Amino acid sequence: MTIRNWIRFFVHTLLIGGLAASILGFFIRWDELAPLISSGGWKDIFSILAWHIFVGFTFSVISQMGFFAYLTVHQFGASMFRSFWNSVQFVIIAFVLFDLVYFRFQAFADKGESLLPYISLAGLLFLIGLLTAYFKARQSSKSVFISALFFMIVVTVLEWLPVLQANDGKWLYIMLFTLLPCNAFQLLALPRYNQRTAKKSGA
């Protein structure tokens, strides 16, 4: 990829992160924003939205660091485990999803609290990962399905870890649903940017 295409790729992912975090912040923190809107506190509203855009940019950078780290790990894993690499990734996916439900429940659940919210959050992550991996497999080949699913689940959870450990309800959702579109975009859009570079190189 040329520097120009990499910058475009970086900026587009950055904008997705900023947009996602600002929209999510607006809805998730509506109870704080509603009184400001009714009282005409637009300066405060815009400062809150600007803060969320900045946070979204930060989450986007984390997402991009995770993506390029995964590309390296994937090459290393494929050369080390060869035909077993998909099986290794599948086991890690299963462990991470189990960890996301069981160990979070053990660490943060109040007495008598249901396991369902923890299962639902992991299930939603799994569903979005499946959909993204499906489109990635259609885009290239069936052989990349497990790798795409691994990235969307395992790498997303690793990127999400600081907020998972803090267990702040609002930021859990803001960070997750900022990371997911950034990660999905990178996974699905990278071949297009590589093709542009290849066309220019061949021209």
N, C-alpha and C. Protein backbone atom coordinates (compact mmCIF):
# COMPACT_ATOMS: atom_id res chain seq x y z
N MET A 1 0.84 -1.19 0.00
CA MET A 1 0.00 0.00 0.00
C MET A 1 0.88 1.25 0.00
N THR A 2 0.55 2.21 -0.86
CA THR A 2 1.31 3.46 -0.89
C THR A 2 0.99 4.31 0.33
N ILE A 3 1.85 5.27 0.60
CA ILE A 3 1.64 6.17 1.74
C ILE A 3 0.32 6.92 1.59
N ARG A 4 0.03 7.37 0.36
CA ARG A 4 -1.22 8.12 0.12
C ARG A 4 -2.44 7.26 0.44
N ASN A 5 -2.44 6.02 -0.04
CA ASN A 5 -3.58 5.13 0.24
C ASN A 5 -3.66 4.77 1.71
N TRP A 6 -2.50 4.60 2.35
CA TRP A 6 -2.51 4.31 3.79
C TRP A 6 -3.10 5.47 4.57
N ILE A 7 -2.77 6.71 4.17
CA ILE A 7 -3.32 7.89 4.85
C ILE A 7 -4.83 7.94 4.66
N ARG A 8 -5.30 7.66 3.45
CA ARG A 8 -6.75 7.62 3.20
C ARG A 8 -7.42 6.56 4.06
N PHE A 9 -6.82 5.39 4.09
CA PHE A 9 -7.34 4.29 4.91
C PHE A 9 -7.40 4.69 6.38
N PHE A 10 -6.34 5.32 6.86
CA PHE A 10 -6.26 5.77 8.25
C PHE A 10 -7.34 6.81 8.54
N VAL A 11 -7.46 7.82 7.67
CA VAL A 11 -8.42 8.91 7.88
C VAL A 11 -9.85 8.40 7.82
N HIS A 12 -10.16 7.53 6.87
CA HIS A 12 -11.52 6.99 6.76
C HIS A 12 -11.89 6.20 8.02
N THR A 13 -10.96 5.39 8.51
CA THR A 13 -11.22 4.64 9.75
C THR A 13 -11.37 5.59 10.93
N LEU A 14 -10.56 6.64 10.95
CA LEU A 14 -10.64 7.65 12.01
C LEU A 14 -12.02 8.32 12.02
N LEU A 15 -12.51 8.68 10.84
CA LEU A 15 -13.82 9.33 10.74
C LEU A 15 -14.94 8.40 11.18
N ILE A 16 -14.83 7.13 10.82
CA ILE A 16 -15.84 6.15 11.26
C ILE A 16 -15.87 6.08 12.78
N GLY A 17 -14.69 6.05 13.40
CA GLY A 17 -14.62 6.01 14.86
C GLY A 17 -15.22 7.24 15.50
N GLY A 18 -14.88 8.42 14.98
CA GLY A 18 -15.42 9.67 15.53
C GLY A 18 -16.92 9.76 15.38
N LEU A 19 -17.43 9.38 14.21
CA LEU A 19 -18.88 9.43 13.95
C LEU A 19 -19.62 8.44 14.84
N ALA A 20 -19.11 7.21 14.92
CA ALA A 20 -19.77 6.18 15.73
C ALA A 20 -19.83 6.58 17.20
N ALA A 21 -18.71 7.06 17.75
CA ALA A 21 -18.67 7.42 19.17
C ALA A 21 -19.56 8.62 19.47
N SER A 22 -19.62 9.59 18.56
CA SER A 22 -20.47 10.76 18.80
C SER A 22 -21.95 10.40 18.77
N ILE A 23 -22.35 9.54 17.82
CA ILE A 23 -23.76 9.11 17.75
C ILE A 23 -24.13 8.27 18.98
N LEU A 24 -23.26 7.32 19.31
CA LEU A 24 -23.51 6.47 20.48
C LEU A 24 -23.55 7.29 21.76
N GLY A 25 -22.61 8.22 21.89
CA GLY A 25 -22.58 9.08 23.08
C GLY A 25 -23.84 9.90 23.22
N PHE A 26 -24.36 10.38 22.08
CA PHE A 26 -25.58 11.19 22.10
C PHE A 26 -26.76 10.40 22.65
N PHE A 27 -26.91 9.15 22.20
CA PHE A 27 -28.05 8.34 22.64
C PHE A 27 -27.84 7.74 24.03
N ILE A 28 -26.64 7.25 24.29
CA ILE A 28 -26.40 6.59 25.58
C ILE A 28 -26.39 7.60 26.73
N ARG A 29 -25.94 8.83 26.46
CA ARG A 29 -25.90 9.86 27.50
C ARG A 29 -27.05 10.86 27.34
N TRP A 30 -28.15 10.39 26.74
CA TRP A 30 -29.30 11.26 26.50
C TRP A 30 -29.84 11.85 27.80
N ASP A 31 -29.80 11.08 28.90
CA ASP A 31 -30.31 11.59 30.17
C ASP A 31 -29.52 12.81 30.66
N GLU A 32 -28.26 12.93 30.25
CA GLU A 32 -27.45 14.09 30.60
C GLU A 32 -27.64 15.23 29.59
N LEU A 33 -27.85 14.87 28.33
CA LEU A 33 -27.95 15.87 27.28
C LEU A 33 -29.33 16.51 27.20
N ALA A 34 -30.38 15.76 27.52
CA ALA A 34 -31.75 16.27 27.40
C ALA A 34 -31.96 17.56 28.19
N PRO A 35 -31.55 17.65 29.48
CA PRO A 35 -31.72 18.91 30.21
C PRO A 35 -30.95 20.07 29.57
N LEU A 36 -29.79 19.79 29.00
CA LEU A 36 -29.00 20.84 28.35
C LEU A 36 -29.69 21.35 27.09
N ILE A 37 -30.33 20.43 26.34
CA ILE A 37 -31.06 20.83 25.13
C ILE A 37 -32.26 21.69 25.50
N SER A 38 -32.99 21.27 26.53
CA SER A 38 -34.18 22.02 26.94
C SER A 38 -33.84 23.40 27.50
N SER A 39 -32.66 23.51 28.10
CA SER A 39 -32.25 24.80 28.68
C SER A 39 -31.42 25.64 27.71
N GLY A 40 -31.16 25.10 26.52
CA GLY A 40 -30.40 25.84 25.52
C GLY A 40 -28.91 25.89 25.77
N GLY A 41 -28.40 24.89 26.48
CA GLY A 41 -26.96 24.86 26.78
C GLY A 41 -26.16 24.26 25.64
N TRP A 42 -26.21 24.92 24.48
CA TRP A 42 -25.60 24.36 23.27
C TRP A 42 -24.08 24.28 23.37
N LYS A 43 -23.50 25.22 24.09
CA LYS A 43 -22.04 25.20 24.25
C LYS A 43 -21.60 23.91 24.94
N ASP A 44 -22.33 23.56 26.01
CA ASP A 44 -22.02 22.33 26.73
C ASP A 44 -22.29 21.09 25.88
N ILE A 45 -23.37 21.15 25.11
CA ILE A 45 -23.72 20.02 24.24
C ILE A 45 -22.62 19.77 23.21
N PHE A 46 -22.18 20.85 22.55
CA PHE A 46 -21.14 20.70 21.53
C PHE A 46 -19.81 20.27 22.12
N SER A 47 -19.54 20.72 23.35
CA SER A 47 -18.28 20.29 23.99
C SER A 47 -18.33 18.80 24.33
N ILE A 48 -19.51 18.31 24.75
CA ILE A 48 -19.67 16.88 25.04
C ILE A 48 -19.53 16.06 23.75
N LEU A 49 -20.18 16.53 22.68
CA LEU A 49 -20.09 15.82 21.40
C LEU A 49 -18.66 15.84 20.85
N ALA A 50 -17.99 17.00 21.00
CA ALA A 50 -16.59 17.10 20.54
C ALA A 50 -15.71 16.14 21.32
N TRP A 51 -16.00 16.01 22.63
CA TRP A 51 -15.24 15.07 23.46
C TRP A 51 -15.43 13.64 22.96
N HIS A 52 -16.68 13.29 22.61
CA HIS A 52 -16.96 11.94 22.13
C HIS A 52 -16.30 11.69 20.76
N ILE A 53 -16.26 12.72 19.93
CA ILE A 53 -15.57 12.56 18.64
C ILE A 53 -14.09 12.29 18.87
N PHE A 54 -13.49 13.04 19.79
CA PHE A 54 -12.07 12.83 20.12
C PHE A 54 -11.84 11.43 20.67
N VAL A 55 -12.73 10.99 21.56
CA VAL A 55 -12.63 9.63 22.11
C VAL A 55 -12.78 8.60 21.00
N GLY A 56 -13.71 8.86 20.07
CA GLY A 56 -13.89 7.96 18.93
C GLY A 56 -12.64 7.87 18.07
N PHE A 57 -11.97 9.01 17.88
CA PHE A 57 -10.69 9.00 17.15
C PHE A 57 -9.68 8.11 17.88
N THR A 58 -9.65 8.25 19.21
CA THR A 58 -8.71 7.44 20.01
C THR A 58 -9.02 5.96 19.88
N PHE A 59 -10.31 5.60 19.98
CA PHE A 59 -10.70 4.20 19.82
C PHE A 59 -10.36 3.69 18.42
N SER A 60 -10.50 4.57 17.43
CA SER A 60 -10.17 4.19 16.06
C SER A 60 -8.68 3.88 15.91
N VAL A 61 -7.84 4.67 16.56
CA VAL A 61 -6.39 4.42 16.51
C VAL A 61 -6.07 3.08 17.18
N ILE A 62 -6.75 2.81 18.32
CA ILE A 62 -6.57 1.51 18.99
C ILE A 62 -6.97 0.38 18.04
N SER A 63 -8.10 0.58 17.35
CA SER A 63 -8.58 -0.41 16.38
C SER A 63 -7.55 -0.66 15.28
N GLN A 64 -6.97 0.41 14.77
CA GLN A 64 -6.00 0.27 13.68
C GLN A 64 -4.71 -0.39 14.16
N MET A 65 -4.29 -0.07 15.38
CA MET A 65 -3.12 -0.75 15.95
C MET A 65 -3.39 -2.25 16.08
N GLY A 66 -4.61 -2.59 16.55
CA GLY A 66 -4.99 -3.99 16.69
C GLY A 66 -5.03 -4.70 15.35
N PHE A 67 -5.52 -4.00 14.32
CA PHE A 67 -5.63 -4.61 12.99
C PHE A 67 -4.26 -4.95 12.41
N PHE A 68 -3.35 -3.99 12.46
CA PHE A 68 -2.03 -4.24 11.88
C PHE A 68 -1.22 -5.21 12.73
N ALA A 69 -1.47 -5.22 14.04
CA ALA A 69 -0.83 -6.24 14.89
C ALA A 69 -1.35 -7.62 14.52
N TYR A 70 -2.66 -7.71 14.25
CA TYR A 70 -3.24 -9.01 13.88
C TYR A 70 -2.67 -9.51 12.55
N LEU A 71 -2.48 -8.61 11.59
CA LEU A 71 -1.92 -9.04 10.30
C LEU A 71 -0.56 -9.71 10.50
N THR A 72 0.22 -9.17 11.43
CA THR A 72 1.53 -9.76 11.74
C THR A 72 1.37 -11.11 12.44
N VAL A 73 0.48 -11.14 13.45
CA VAL A 73 0.24 -12.38 14.20
C VAL A 73 -0.31 -13.47 13.28
N HIS A 74 -1.19 -13.06 12.36
CA HIS A 74 -1.79 -14.04 11.44
C HIS A 74 -0.72 -14.69 10.56
N GLN A 75 0.19 -13.88 10.04
CA GLN A 75 1.26 -14.43 9.21
C GLN A 75 2.15 -15.38 10.02
N PHE A 76 2.45 -14.98 11.25
CA PHE A 76 3.27 -15.81 12.12
C PHE A 76 2.55 -17.12 12.46
N GLY A 77 1.26 -17.02 12.82
CA GLY A 77 0.48 -18.20 13.18
C GLY A 77 0.31 -19.16 12.01
N ALA A 78 0.06 -18.60 10.82
CA ALA A 78 -0.12 -19.44 9.63
C ALA A 78 1.16 -20.18 9.27
N SER A 79 2.31 -19.53 9.45
CA SER A 79 3.58 -20.20 9.13
C SER A 79 3.98 -21.20 10.21
N MET A 80 3.55 -20.94 11.45
CA MET A 80 3.93 -21.83 12.56
C MET A 80 3.02 -23.06 12.64
N PHE A 81 1.70 -22.82 12.59
CA PHE A 81 0.74 -23.92 12.76
C PHE A 81 0.27 -24.53 11.44
N ARG A 82 0.50 -23.82 10.34
CA ARG A 82 0.14 -24.28 9.00
C ARG A 82 -1.32 -24.70 8.92
N SER A 83 -1.61 -25.94 8.62
CA SER A 83 -3.00 -26.38 8.42
C SER A 83 -3.81 -26.37 9.71
N PHE A 84 -3.14 -26.29 10.87
CA PHE A 84 -3.85 -26.27 12.16
C PHE A 84 -4.22 -24.86 12.61
N TRP A 85 -3.81 -23.84 11.85
CA TRP A 85 -4.00 -22.46 12.29
C TRP A 85 -5.48 -22.12 12.47
N ASN A 86 -6.34 -22.57 11.56
CA ASN A 86 -7.78 -22.31 11.71
C ASN A 86 -8.33 -22.97 12.97
N SER A 87 -7.87 -24.18 13.27
CA SER A 87 -8.32 -24.88 14.48
C SER A 87 -7.86 -24.15 15.74
N VAL A 88 -6.62 -23.67 15.72
CA VAL A 88 -6.09 -22.90 16.86
C VAL A 88 -6.92 -21.64 17.06
N GLN A 89 -7.22 -20.94 15.98
CA GLN A 89 -8.03 -19.72 16.08
C GLN A 89 -9.43 -20.02 16.62
N PHE A 90 -10.00 -21.13 16.16
CA PHE A 90 -11.35 -21.51 16.61
C PHE A 90 -11.37 -21.76 18.12
N VAL A 91 -10.36 -22.44 18.63
CA VAL A 91 -10.26 -22.72 20.07
C VAL A 91 -10.13 -21.41 20.86
N ILE A 92 -9.32 -20.50 20.35
CA ILE A 92 -9.13 -19.21 21.03
C ILE A 92 -10.43 -18.40 21.02
N ILE A 93 -11.15 -18.42 19.90
CA ILE A 93 -12.45 -17.73 19.82
C ILE A 93 -13.39 -18.27 20.89
N ALA A 94 -13.49 -19.60 21.00
CA ALA A 94 -14.38 -20.22 21.98
C ALA A 94 -13.98 -19.84 23.40
N PHE A 95 -12.69 -19.83 23.68
CA PHE A 95 -12.21 -19.48 25.02
C PHE A 95 -12.52 -18.02 25.35
N VAL A 96 -12.30 -17.13 24.39
CA VAL A 96 -12.55 -15.70 24.63
C VAL A 96 -14.03 -15.44 24.88
N LEU A 97 -14.91 -16.07 24.12
CA LEU A 97 -16.35 -15.90 24.33
C LEU A 97 -16.77 -16.44 25.69
N PHE A 98 -16.23 -17.60 26.08
CA PHE A 98 -16.51 -18.16 27.40
C PHE A 98 -16.02 -17.22 28.49
N ASP A 99 -14.82 -16.71 28.32
CA ASP A 99 -14.22 -15.77 29.28
C ASP A 99 -15.08 -14.52 29.40
N LEU A 100 -15.55 -14.02 28.26
CA LEU A 100 -16.36 -12.80 28.23
C LEU A 100 -17.66 -12.95 29.01
N VAL A 101 -18.20 -14.16 29.03
CA VAL A 101 -19.44 -14.41 29.77
C VAL A 101 -19.14 -14.82 31.21
N TYR A 102 -18.43 -15.92 31.39
CA TYR A 102 -18.30 -16.53 32.72
C TYR A 102 -17.44 -15.70 33.66
N PHE A 103 -16.25 -15.33 33.24
CA PHE A 103 -15.35 -14.62 34.14
C PHE A 103 -15.81 -13.20 34.44
N ARG A 104 -16.43 -12.54 33.45
CA ARG A 104 -17.01 -11.22 33.74
C ARG A 104 -18.15 -11.34 34.73
N PHE A 105 -18.96 -12.40 34.57
CA PHE A 105 -20.07 -12.62 35.51
C PHE A 105 -19.53 -12.86 36.92
N GLN A 106 -18.50 -13.67 37.03
CA GLN A 106 -17.90 -13.96 38.34
C GLN A 106 -17.29 -12.70 38.96
N ALA A 107 -16.71 -11.85 38.13
CA ALA A 107 -16.01 -10.67 38.64
C ALA A 107 -16.94 -9.52 38.99
N PHE A 108 -18.01 -9.33 38.21
CA PHE A 108 -18.79 -8.10 38.34
C PHE A 108 -20.26 -8.27 38.72
N ALA A 109 -20.79 -9.48 38.63
CA ALA A 109 -22.23 -9.66 38.88
C ALA A 109 -22.56 -9.45 40.35
N ASP A 110 -23.67 -8.75 40.59
CA ASP A 110 -24.19 -8.61 41.95
C ASP A 110 -24.90 -9.89 42.35
N LYS A 111 -25.10 -10.04 43.63
CA LYS A 111 -25.77 -11.24 44.13
C LYS A 111 -27.18 -11.32 43.54
N GLY A 112 -27.50 -12.46 42.96
CA GLY A 112 -28.82 -12.67 42.37
C GLY A 112 -28.97 -12.12 40.96
N GLU A 113 -27.92 -11.50 40.42
CA GLU A 113 -28.00 -10.94 39.06
C GLU A 113 -28.03 -12.05 38.03
N SER A 114 -28.80 -11.83 36.97
CA SER A 114 -28.94 -12.84 35.91
C SER A 114 -27.68 -12.89 35.04
N LEU A 115 -27.44 -14.08 34.50
CA LEU A 115 -26.33 -14.28 33.56
C LEU A 115 -26.68 -13.77 32.16
N LEU A 116 -27.98 -13.55 31.92
CA LEU A 116 -28.46 -13.23 30.58
C LEU A 116 -27.81 -11.99 29.95
N PRO A 117 -27.64 -10.86 30.66
CA PRO A 117 -26.99 -9.70 30.03
C PRO A 117 -25.58 -9.99 29.55
N TYR A 118 -24.86 -10.82 30.28
CA TYR A 118 -23.49 -11.18 29.90
C TYR A 118 -23.48 -12.07 28.66
N ILE A 119 -24.44 -13.01 28.62
CA ILE A 119 -24.57 -13.88 27.44
C ILE A 119 -25.00 -13.06 26.23
N SER A 120 -25.92 -12.12 26.44
CA SER A 120 -26.45 -11.30 25.33
C SER A 120 -25.35 -10.46 24.70
N LEU A 121 -24.50 -9.86 25.53
CA LEU A 121 -23.43 -9.01 25.00
C LEU A 121 -22.43 -9.84 24.19
N ALA A 122 -22.04 -11.00 24.73
CA ALA A 122 -21.12 -11.89 24.00
C ALA A 122 -21.79 -12.42 22.73
N GLY A 123 -23.09 -12.73 22.83
CA GLY A 123 -23.83 -13.23 21.67
C GLY A 123 -23.92 -12.19 20.56
N LEU A 124 -24.11 -10.92 20.96
CA LEU A 124 -24.18 -9.84 19.97
C LEU A 124 -22.84 -9.66 19.27
N LEU A 125 -21.77 -9.71 20.05
CA LEU A 125 -20.43 -9.63 19.47
C LEU A 125 -20.20 -10.79 18.50
N PHE A 126 -20.61 -11.99 18.89
CA PHE A 126 -20.45 -13.17 18.04
C PHE A 126 -21.25 -13.03 16.75
N LEU A 127 -22.48 -12.51 16.85
CA LEU A 127 -23.34 -12.35 15.68
C LEU A 127 -22.74 -11.35 14.69
N ILE A 128 -22.27 -10.21 15.20
CA ILE A 128 -21.66 -9.20 14.33
C ILE A 128 -20.38 -9.75 13.70
N GLY A 129 -19.62 -10.51 14.51
CA GLY A 129 -18.42 -11.15 13.98
C GLY A 129 -18.74 -12.13 12.87
N LEU A 130 -19.80 -12.94 13.06
CA LEU A 130 -20.22 -13.90 12.03
C LEU A 130 -20.61 -13.20 10.74
N LEU A 131 -21.40 -12.13 10.85
CA LEU A 131 -21.85 -11.40 9.66
C LEU A 131 -20.67 -10.80 8.90
N THR A 132 -19.75 -10.19 9.65
CA THR A 132 -18.58 -9.58 9.01
C THR A 132 -17.72 -10.65 8.34
N ALA A 133 -17.52 -11.77 9.05
CA ALA A 133 -16.72 -12.87 8.49
C ALA A 133 -17.39 -13.46 7.25
N TYR A 134 -18.71 -13.52 7.26
CA TYR A 134 -19.45 -14.03 6.10
C TYR A 134 -19.21 -13.15 4.87
N PHE A 135 -19.32 -11.83 5.06
CA PHE A 135 -19.09 -10.92 3.94
C PHE A 135 -17.63 -10.94 3.49
N LYS A 136 -16.72 -11.12 4.45
CA LYS A 136 -15.30 -11.21 4.09
C LYS A 136 -15.04 -12.47 3.27
N ALA A 137 -15.67 -13.58 3.66
CA ALA A 137 -15.51 -14.84 2.91
C ALA A 137 -16.09 -14.72 1.51
N ARG A 138 -17.21 -14.02 1.38
CA ARG A 138 -17.79 -13.80 0.05
C ARG A 138 -16.90 -12.91 -0.80
N GLN A 139 -16.25 -11.96 -0.13
CA GLN A 139 -15.39 -11.01 -0.84
C GLN A 139 -14.13 -11.68 -1.38
N SER A 140 -13.57 -12.61 -0.61
CA SER A 140 -12.31 -13.24 -1.04
C SER A 140 -12.48 -14.75 -1.21
N SER A 141 -12.43 -15.52 -0.11
CA SER A 141 -12.63 -16.97 -0.21
C SER A 141 -13.09 -17.53 1.13
N LYS A 142 -13.66 -18.72 1.10
CA LYS A 142 -14.18 -19.35 2.32
C LYS A 142 -13.07 -19.61 3.34
N SER A 143 -11.85 -19.75 2.87
CA SER A 143 -10.74 -20.09 3.77
C SER A 143 -10.42 -19.00 4.78
N VAL A 144 -10.88 -17.76 4.51
CA VAL A 144 -10.56 -16.65 5.42
C VAL A 144 -11.64 -16.46 6.49
N PHE A 145 -12.71 -17.26 6.45
CA PHE A 145 -13.84 -17.05 7.36
C PHE A 145 -13.40 -17.09 8.83
N ILE A 146 -12.68 -18.13 9.23
CA ILE A 146 -12.28 -18.28 10.64
C ILE A 146 -11.33 -17.15 11.05
N SER A 147 -10.41 -16.79 10.17
CA SER A 147 -9.48 -15.70 10.48
C SER A 147 -10.21 -14.38 10.67
N ALA A 148 -11.20 -14.12 9.81
CA ALA A 148 -11.99 -12.90 9.95
C ALA A 148 -12.80 -12.91 11.24
N LEU A 149 -13.38 -14.07 11.57
CA LEU A 149 -14.14 -14.20 12.82
C LEU A 149 -13.22 -14.01 14.02
N PHE A 150 -12.02 -14.56 13.95
CA PHE A 150 -11.02 -14.40 15.01
C PHE A 150 -10.71 -12.92 15.23
N PHE A 151 -10.48 -12.22 14.14
CA PHE A 151 -10.17 -10.79 14.27
C PHE A 151 -11.34 -10.03 14.89
N MET A 152 -12.55 -10.29 14.40
CA MET A 152 -13.71 -9.53 14.87
C MET A 152 -14.05 -9.83 16.32
N ILE A 153 -13.71 -11.01 16.82
CA ILE A 153 -14.03 -11.36 18.21
C ILE A 153 -12.83 -11.20 19.12
N VAL A 154 -11.77 -11.93 18.86
CA VAL A 154 -10.63 -11.96 19.78
C VAL A 154 -9.91 -10.62 19.82
N VAL A 155 -9.60 -10.07 18.65
CA VAL A 155 -8.87 -8.80 18.62
C VAL A 155 -9.74 -7.67 19.15
N THR A 156 -11.03 -7.68 18.82
CA THR A 156 -11.94 -6.66 19.36
C THR A 156 -11.97 -6.71 20.89
N VAL A 157 -12.04 -7.90 21.46
CA VAL A 157 -12.06 -8.03 22.93
C VAL A 157 -10.76 -7.53 23.54
N LEU A 158 -9.63 -7.83 22.90
CA LEU A 158 -8.34 -7.33 23.40
C LEU A 158 -8.29 -5.80 23.37
N GLU A 159 -8.81 -5.21 22.30
CA GLU A 159 -8.86 -3.75 22.19
C GLU A 159 -9.82 -3.15 23.22
N TRP A 160 -10.84 -3.90 23.55
CA TRP A 160 -11.92 -3.47 24.45
C TRP A 160 -11.55 -3.67 25.92
N LEU A 161 -10.45 -4.35 26.17
CA LEU A 161 -10.09 -4.81 27.52
C LEU A 161 -10.04 -3.72 28.59
N PRO A 162 -9.48 -2.52 28.33
CA PRO A 162 -9.44 -1.51 29.39
C PRO A 162 -10.81 -1.16 29.96
N VAL A 163 -11.81 -1.04 29.08
CA VAL A 163 -13.16 -0.72 29.54
C VAL A 163 -13.83 -1.94 30.15
N LEU A 164 -13.53 -3.13 29.64
CA LEU A 164 -14.07 -4.35 30.23
C LEU A 164 -13.62 -4.50 31.68
N GLN A 165 -12.37 -4.17 31.95
CA GLN A 165 -11.84 -4.28 33.31
C GLN A 165 -12.46 -3.24 34.23
N ALA A 166 -12.74 -2.05 33.69
CA ALA A 166 -13.39 -1.01 34.49
C ALA A 166 -14.87 -1.29 34.69
N ASN A 167 -15.47 -2.00 33.72
CA ASN A 167 -16.89 -2.39 33.76
C ASN A 167 -17.83 -1.19 33.90
N ASP A 168 -17.52 -0.12 33.21
CA ASP A 168 -18.40 1.05 33.17
C ASP A 168 -19.46 0.81 32.10
N GLY A 169 -20.73 0.74 32.52
CA GLY A 169 -21.81 0.35 31.63
C GLY A 169 -21.90 1.15 30.35
N LYS A 170 -21.87 2.49 30.46
CA LYS A 170 -22.01 3.33 29.27
C LYS A 170 -20.82 3.18 28.34
N TRP A 171 -19.62 3.20 28.91
CA TRP A 171 -18.42 3.13 28.08
C TRP A 171 -18.20 1.74 27.50
N LEU A 172 -18.75 0.71 28.15
CA LEU A 172 -18.70 -0.64 27.56
C LEU A 172 -19.31 -0.63 26.16
N TYR A 173 -20.48 0.00 26.06
CA TYR A 173 -21.20 0.01 24.78
C TYR A 173 -20.60 1.02 23.81
N ILE A 174 -20.21 2.19 24.31
CA ILE A 174 -19.63 3.20 23.42
C ILE A 174 -18.35 2.67 22.77
N MET A 175 -17.48 2.06 23.58
CA MET A 175 -16.22 1.58 23.01
C MET A 175 -16.44 0.39 22.08
N LEU A 176 -17.28 -0.57 22.51
CA LEU A 176 -17.51 -1.76 21.68
C LEU A 176 -18.07 -1.39 20.32
N PHE A 177 -19.12 -0.53 20.32
CA PHE A 177 -19.79 -0.22 19.06
C PHE A 177 -19.10 0.90 18.29
N THR A 178 -17.97 1.37 18.81
CA THR A 178 -17.05 2.17 18.00
C THR A 178 -15.99 1.27 17.37
N LEU A 179 -15.49 0.33 18.16
CA LEU A 179 -14.47 -0.60 17.65
C LEU A 179 -15.02 -1.48 16.52
N LEU A 180 -16.23 -1.98 16.68
CA LEU A 180 -16.77 -2.94 15.70
C LEU A 180 -16.86 -2.38 14.28
N PRO A 181 -17.46 -1.18 14.08
CA PRO A 181 -17.48 -0.67 12.69
C PRO A 181 -16.08 -0.34 12.16
N CYS A 182 -15.20 0.12 13.04
CA CYS A 182 -13.81 0.39 12.61
C CYS A 182 -13.13 -0.91 12.17
N ASN A 183 -13.29 -1.95 12.97
CA ASN A 183 -12.66 -3.24 12.64
C ASN A 183 -13.27 -3.86 11.38
N ALA A 184 -14.60 -3.79 11.27
CA ALA A 184 -15.27 -4.34 10.09
C ALA A 184 -14.84 -3.59 8.83
N PHE A 185 -14.77 -2.27 8.93
CA PHE A 185 -14.35 -1.47 7.78
C PHE A 185 -12.95 -1.85 7.32
N GLN A 186 -12.03 -1.95 8.27
CA GLN A 186 -10.64 -2.27 7.92
C GLN A 186 -10.55 -3.65 7.25
N LEU A 187 -11.26 -4.60 7.82
CA LEU A 187 -11.22 -5.97 7.31
C LEU A 187 -11.76 -6.05 5.88
N LEU A 188 -12.85 -5.33 5.64
CA LEU A 188 -13.52 -5.42 4.34
C LEU A 188 -12.96 -4.45 3.31
N ALA A 189 -12.41 -3.33 3.77
CA ALA A 189 -11.96 -2.29 2.83
C ALA A 189 -10.50 -2.42 2.43
N LEU A 190 -9.68 -3.08 3.24
CA LEU A 190 -8.25 -3.16 2.93
C LEU A 190 -7.95 -3.68 1.52
N PRO A 191 -8.63 -4.75 1.05
CA PRO A 191 -8.33 -5.23 -0.31
C PRO A 191 -8.56 -4.16 -1.38
N ARG A 192 -9.57 -3.31 -1.17
CA ARG A 192 -9.85 -2.26 -2.15
C ARG A 192 -8.69 -1.26 -2.24
N TYR A 193 -8.14 -0.91 -1.07
CA TYR A 193 -7.00 0.01 -1.05
C TYR A 193 -5.76 -0.65 -1.66
N ASN A 194 -5.60 -1.93 -1.40
CA ASN A 194 -4.47 -2.66 -2.00
C ASN A 194 -4.59 -2.74 -3.52
N GLN A 195 -5.84 -2.91 -3.99
CA GLN A 195 -6.07 -2.96 -5.44
C GLN A 195 -5.73 -1.63 -6.11
N ARG A 196 -6.08 -0.54 -5.42
CA ARG A 196 -5.74 0.79 -5.97
C ARG A 196 -4.23 0.93 -6.12
N THR A 197 -3.52 0.47 -5.10
CA THR A 197 -2.06 0.54 -5.14
C THR A 197 -1.51 -0.32 -6.27
N ALA A 198 -2.08 -1.53 -6.43
CA ALA A 198 -1.62 -2.44 -7.48
C ALA A 198 -1.87 -1.86 -8.88
N LYS A 199 -3.03 -1.21 -9.05
CA LYS A 199 -3.36 -0.61 -10.35
C LYS A 199 -2.39 0.52 -10.69
N LYS A 200 -2.08 1.33 -9.68
CA LYS A 200 -1.16 2.45 -9.91
C LYS A 200 0.25 1.94 -10.19
N SER A 201 0.62 0.84 -9.52
CA SER A 201 1.95 0.26 -9.74
C SER A 201 2.07 -0.33 -11.14
N GLY A 202 0.93 -0.90 -11.62
CA GLY A 202 0.94 -1.52 -12.94
C GLY A 202 0.74 -0.55 -14.08
N ALA A 203 0.30 0.67 -13.72
CA ALA A 203 0.03 1.67 -14.77
C ALA A 203 1.33 2.19 -15.39
